[in-house]
């Protein structure tokens, strides 16, 4: 999985927001970075993602693929793959590897842990998005 050094960033591609998380340079711990609010302009959104990734100084980006529970790739996964292709075109020339990972349970996990921590409602949405990216990244780091 890419070069095994340097930070890894994770993206949770939501319809309204892109949750972003990052790892430490030893690739052991994931932390939430924040969210990129979607503007309705994919190029602008991807430029904002690029900015986040260069700020994080990530050498690898893991994008969550929303497969259906059966593991099939439905419309959401196809939309995510289209976005992954666009992100690869932007990032790979800069030496940043782009990988995908199954994120079927990350939002649920993130919601569960945040509800346990006592955050609820709308204000928690963007926190949930970056926490979902963090859960996805932590699972990826633990497997790597």
C-alpha atoms as a PDB file:
ATOM      1  CA  UNK A   1       0.000   0.000   0.000  1.00  0.00           C
ATOM      2  CA  UNK A   2       1.958   2.983  -1.333  1.00  0.00           C
ATOM      3  CA  UNK A   3       5.177   3.799   0.452  1.00  0.00           C
ATOM      4  CA  UNK A   4       4.889   2.665   4.054  1.00  0.00           C
ATOM      5  CA  UNK A   5       6.111   6.015   5.375  1.00  0.00           C
ATOM      6  CA  UNK A   6       4.587   9.432   5.750  1.00  0.00           C
ATOM      7  CA  UNK A   7       1.089  10.425   6.655  1.00  0.00           C
ATOM      8  CA  UNK A   8      -2.030   8.898   5.179  1.00  0.00           C
ATOM      9  CA  UNK A   9      -5.185  10.931   4.597  1.00  0.00           C
ATOM     10  CA  UNK A  10      -8.668   9.426   4.349  1.00  0.00           C
ATOM     11  CA  UNK A  11     -11.701  10.831   2.574  1.00  0.00           C
ATOM     12  CA  UNK A  12     -15.332  10.070   3.358  1.00  0.00           C
ATOM     13  CA  UNK A  13     -17.189  11.259   0.246  1.00  0.00           C
ATOM     14  CA  UNK A  14     -20.563  12.551   1.369  1.00  0.00           C
ATOM     15  CA  UNK A  15     -23.190  14.264  -0.772  1.00  0.00           C
ATOM     16  CA  UNK A  16     -22.831  17.562   1.128  1.00  0.00           C
ATOM     17  CA  UNK A  17     -19.408  17.225   2.745  1.00  0.00           C
ATOM     18  CA  UNK A  18     -16.166  15.340   2.306  1.00  0.00           C
ATOM     19  CA  UNK A  19     -14.902  14.148   5.679  1.00  0.00           C
ATOM     20  CA  UNK A  20     -11.120  14.234   5.997  1.00  0.00           C
ATOM     21  CA  UNK A  21      -8.897  12.409   8.479  1.00  0.00           C
ATOM     22  CA  UNK A  22      -5.159  11.906   8.695  1.00  0.00           C
ATOM     23  CA  UNK A  23      -2.626   9.631  10.364  1.00  0.00           C
ATOM     24  CA  UNK A  24       0.519  10.410  12.289  1.00  0.00           C
ATOM     25  CA  UNK A  25       3.775   9.929  10.363  1.00  0.00           C
ATOM     26  CA  UNK A  26       4.267   6.469  11.946  1.00  0.00           C
ATOM     27  CA  UNK A  27       0.882   5.448  10.520  1.00  0.00           C
ATOM     28  CA  UNK A  28      -0.518   4.134  13.773  1.00  0.00           C
ATOM     29  CA  UNK A  29      -3.173   6.638  14.829  1.00  0.00           C
ATOM     30  CA  UNK A  30      -5.943   8.337  12.840  1.00  0.00           C
ATOM     31  CA  UNK A  31      -7.282  11.779  13.780  1.00  0.00           C
ATOM     32  CA  UNK A  32     -10.122  13.844  12.306  1.00  0.00           C
ATOM     33  CA  UNK A  33      -8.930  16.770  10.167  1.00  0.00           C
ATOM     34  CA  UNK A  34     -12.288  18.333   9.328  1.00  0.00           C
ATOM     35  CA  UNK A  35     -14.555  18.572   6.321  1.00  0.00           C
ATOM     36  CA  UNK A  36     -14.585  20.091   2.860  1.00  0.00           C
ATOM     37  CA  UNK A  37     -18.049  21.521   2.258  1.00  0.00           C
ATOM     38  CA  UNK A  38     -19.220  20.658  -1.246  1.00  0.00           C
ATOM     39  CA  UNK A  39     -19.705  23.715  -3.435  1.00  0.00           C
ATOM     40  CA  UNK A  40     -21.643  22.060  -6.265  1.00  0.00           C
ATOM     41  CA  UNK A  41     -18.532  22.423  -8.437  1.00  0.00           C
ATOM     42  CA  UNK A  42     -16.525  19.178  -8.472  1.00  0.00           C
ATOM     43  CA  UNK A  43     -13.322  20.866  -9.658  1.00  0.00           C
ATOM     44  CA  UNK A  44     -13.502  23.399  -6.829  1.00  0.00           C
ATOM     45  CA  UNK A  45     -14.211  20.630  -4.300  1.00  0.00           C
ATOM     46  CA  UNK A  46     -11.248  18.613  -5.553  1.00  0.00           C
ATOM     47  CA  UNK A  47      -9.006  21.677  -5.338  1.00  0.00           C
ATOM     48  CA  UNK A  48     -10.089  22.075  -1.698  1.00  0.00           C
ATOM     49  CA  UNK A  49      -9.358  18.384  -1.076  1.00  0.00           C
ATOM     50  CA  UNK A  50      -5.946  18.824  -2.710  1.00  0.00           C
ATOM     51  CA  UNK A  51      -5.283  21.733  -0.358  1.00  0.00           C
ATOM     52  CA  UNK A  52      -6.222  19.616   2.677  1.00  0.00           C
ATOM     53  CA  UNK A  53      -3.971  16.783   1.508  1.00  0.00           C
ATOM     54  CA  UNK A  54      -0.985  19.039   0.967  1.00  0.00           C
ATOM     55  CA  UNK A  55      -1.591  20.626   4.382  1.00  0.00           C
ATOM     56  CA  UNK A  56      -1.601  17.123   5.907  1.00  0.00           C
ATOM     57  CA  UNK A  57       1.476  16.240   3.791  1.00  0.00           C
ATOM     58  CA  UNK A  58      -0.029  12.842   2.989  1.00  0.00           C
ATOM     59  CA  UNK A  59       1.776  10.431   0.680  1.00  0.00           C
ATOM     60  CA  UNK A  60      -1.252   8.172   0.410  1.00  0.00           C
ATOM     61  CA  UNK A  61      -4.974   8.919   0.304  1.00  0.00           C
ATOM     62  CA  UNK A  62      -7.562   6.286   1.190  1.00  0.00           C
ATOM     63  CA  UNK A  63     -11.054   6.922  -0.159  1.00  0.00           C
ATOM     64  CA  UNK A  64     -14.013   5.137   1.391  1.00  0.00           C
ATOM     65  CA  UNK A  65     -16.127   3.192  -1.101  1.00  0.00           C
ATOM     66  CA  UNK A  66     -19.765   2.966  -0.040  1.00  0.00           C
ATOM     67  CA  UNK A  67     -20.461  -0.617  -1.113  1.00  0.00           C
ATOM     68  CA  UNK A  68     -23.900  -1.963  -0.370  1.00  0.00           C
ATOM     69  CA  UNK A  69     -24.207  -4.390   2.546  1.00  0.00           C
ATOM     70  CA  UNK A  70     -23.962  -7.307   0.110  1.00  0.00           C
ATOM     71  CA  UNK A  71     -20.630  -5.926  -1.088  1.00  0.00           C
ATOM     72  CA  UNK A  72     -22.039  -4.977  -4.501  1.00  0.00           C
ATOM     73  CA  UNK A  73     -21.194  -1.577  -5.884  1.00  0.00           C
ATOM     74  CA  UNK A  74     -24.384   0.415  -6.329  1.00  0.00           C
ATOM     75  CA  UNK A  75     -24.859   3.984  -7.606  1.00  0.00           C
ATOM     76  CA  UNK A  76     -23.119   5.494  -4.555  1.00  0.00           C
ATOM     77  CA  UNK A  77     -20.028   3.328  -5.067  1.00  0.00           C
ATOM     78  CA  UNK A  78     -20.003   4.113  -8.798  1.00  0.00           C
ATOM     79  CA  UNK A  79     -20.197   7.849  -8.041  1.00  0.00           C
ATOM     80  CA  UNK A  80     -17.346   7.439  -5.546  1.00  0.00           C
ATOM     81  CA  UNK A  81     -15.241   5.582  -8.139  1.00  0.00           C
ATOM     82  CA  UNK A  82     -15.792   8.397 -10.646  1.00  0.00           C
ATOM     83  CA  UNK A  83     -14.548  10.807  -8.006  1.00  0.00           C
ATOM     84  CA  UNK A  84     -11.581   8.542  -7.184  1.00  0.00           C
ATOM     85  CA  UNK A  85     -10.588   8.639 -10.876  1.00  0.00           C
ATOM     86  CA  UNK A  86     -10.660  12.453 -10.829  1.00  0.00           C
ATOM     87  CA  UNK A  87      -8.683  12.592  -7.559  1.00  0.00           C
ATOM     88  CA  UNK A  88      -6.078  10.142  -8.916  1.00  0.00           C
ATOM     89  CA  UNK A  89      -5.590  12.373 -11.956  1.00  0.00           C
ATOM     90  CA  UNK A  90      -4.884  15.293  -9.594  1.00  0.00           C
ATOM     91  CA  UNK A  91      -2.842  13.527  -6.928  1.00  0.00           C
ATOM     92  CA  UNK A  92      -0.807  10.809  -8.633  1.00  0.00           C
ATOM     93  CA  UNK A  93       1.283  13.293 -10.686  1.00  0.00           C
ATOM     94  CA  UNK A  94       2.244  14.804  -7.292  1.00  0.00           C
ATOM     95  CA  UNK A  95       3.419  11.395  -6.066  1.00  0.00           C
ATOM     96  CA  UNK A  96       0.377  10.776  -3.872  1.00  0.00           C
ATOM     97  CA  UNK A  97      -1.077   7.260  -4.118  1.00  0.00           C
ATOM     98  CA  UNK A  98      -4.885   6.959  -4.066  1.00  0.00           C
ATOM     99  CA  UNK A  99      -6.456   3.773  -2.727  1.00  0.00           C
ATOM    100  CA  UNK A 100     -10.011   2.729  -1.972  1.00  0.00           C
ATOM    101  CA  UNK A 101     -11.322   0.923   1.092  1.00  0.00           C
ATOM    102  CA  UNK A 102     -14.659  -0.601   2.049  1.00  0.00           C
ATOM    103  CA  UNK A 103     -16.467   1.903   4.257  1.00  0.00           C
ATOM    104  CA  UNK A 104     -19.774   0.103   4.744  1.00  0.00           C
ATOM    105  CA  UNK A 105     -19.769   0.477   8.502  1.00  0.00           C
ATOM    106  CA  UNK A 106     -17.728   3.618   9.158  1.00  0.00           C
ATOM    107  CA  UNK A 107     -20.543   6.187   9.370  1.00  0.00           C
ATOM    108  CA  UNK A 108     -22.515   3.875  11.651  1.00  0.00           C
ATOM    109  CA  UNK A 109     -19.425   3.352  13.856  1.00  0.00           C
ATOM    110  CA  UNK A 110     -18.696   7.074  13.929  1.00  0.00           C
ATOM    111  CA  UNK A 111     -22.302   7.884  14.835  1.00  0.00           C
ATOM    112  CA  UNK A 112     -22.274   5.258  17.558  1.00  0.00           C
ATOM    113  CA  UNK A 113     -19.078   6.538  19.171  1.00  0.00           C
ATOM    114  CA  UNK A 114     -20.200  10.178  18.954  1.00  0.00           C
ATOM    115  CA  UNK A 115     -23.640   9.414  20.357  1.00  0.00           C
ATOM    116  CA  UNK A 116     -21.848   7.642  23.197  1.00  0.00           C
ATOM    117  CA  UNK A 117     -19.775  10.813  23.619  1.00  0.00           C
ATOM    118  CA  UNK A 118     -23.018  12.804  23.829  1.00  0.00           C
ATOM    119  CA  UNK A 119     -23.039  14.694  20.500  1.00  0.00           C
ATOM    120  CA  UNK A 120     -26.329  14.732  18.660  1.00  0.00           C
ATOM    121  CA  UNK A 121     -28.229  16.462  15.909  1.00  0.00           C
ATOM    122  CA  UNK A 122     -27.284  18.662  12.995  1.00  0.00           C
ATOM    123  CA  UNK A 123     -24.208  20.256  14.529  1.00  0.00           C
ATOM    124  CA  UNK A 124     -22.739  16.781  14.825  1.00  0.00           C
ATOM    125  CA  UNK A 125     -23.058  16.095  11.060  1.00  0.00           C
ATOM    126  CA  UNK A 126     -19.705  17.526  10.007  1.00  0.00           C
ATOM    127  CA  UNK A 127     -18.088  15.988  13.082  1.00  0.00           C
ATOM    128  CA  UNK A 128     -19.583  12.638  12.041  1.00  0.00           C
ATOM    129  CA  UNK A 129     -18.210  13.033   8.504  1.00  0.00           C
ATOM    130  CA  UNK A 130     -14.646  13.614   9.669  1.00  0.00           C
ATOM    131  CA  UNK A 131     -15.048  10.918  12.353  1.00  0.00           C
ATOM    132  CA  UNK A 132     -16.256   8.495   9.647  1.00  0.00           C
ATOM    133  CA  UNK A 133     -13.070   9.248   7.686  1.00  0.00           C
ATOM    134  CA  UNK A 134     -11.114   8.666  10.897  1.00  0.00           C
ATOM    135  CA  UNK A 135     -12.781   5.278  11.557  1.00  0.00           C
ATOM    136  CA  UNK A 136     -12.114   4.275   7.929  1.00  0.00           C
ATOM    137  CA  UNK A 137      -8.474   5.341   8.193  1.00  0.00           C
ATOM    138  CA  UNK A 138      -7.920   3.625  11.539  1.00  0.00           C
ATOM    139  CA  UNK A 139      -9.255   0.338  10.109  1.00  0.00           C
ATOM    140  CA  UNK A 140      -6.944   0.751   7.078  1.00  0.00           C
ATOM    141  CA  UNK A 141      -3.921   1.522   9.285  1.00  0.00           C
ATOM    142  CA  UNK A 142      -4.652  -1.482  11.505  1.00  0.00           C
ATOM    143  CA  UNK A 143      -4.714  -3.785   8.443  1.00  0.00           C
ATOM    144  CA  UNK A 144      -1.592  -2.299   6.787  1.00  0.00           C
END
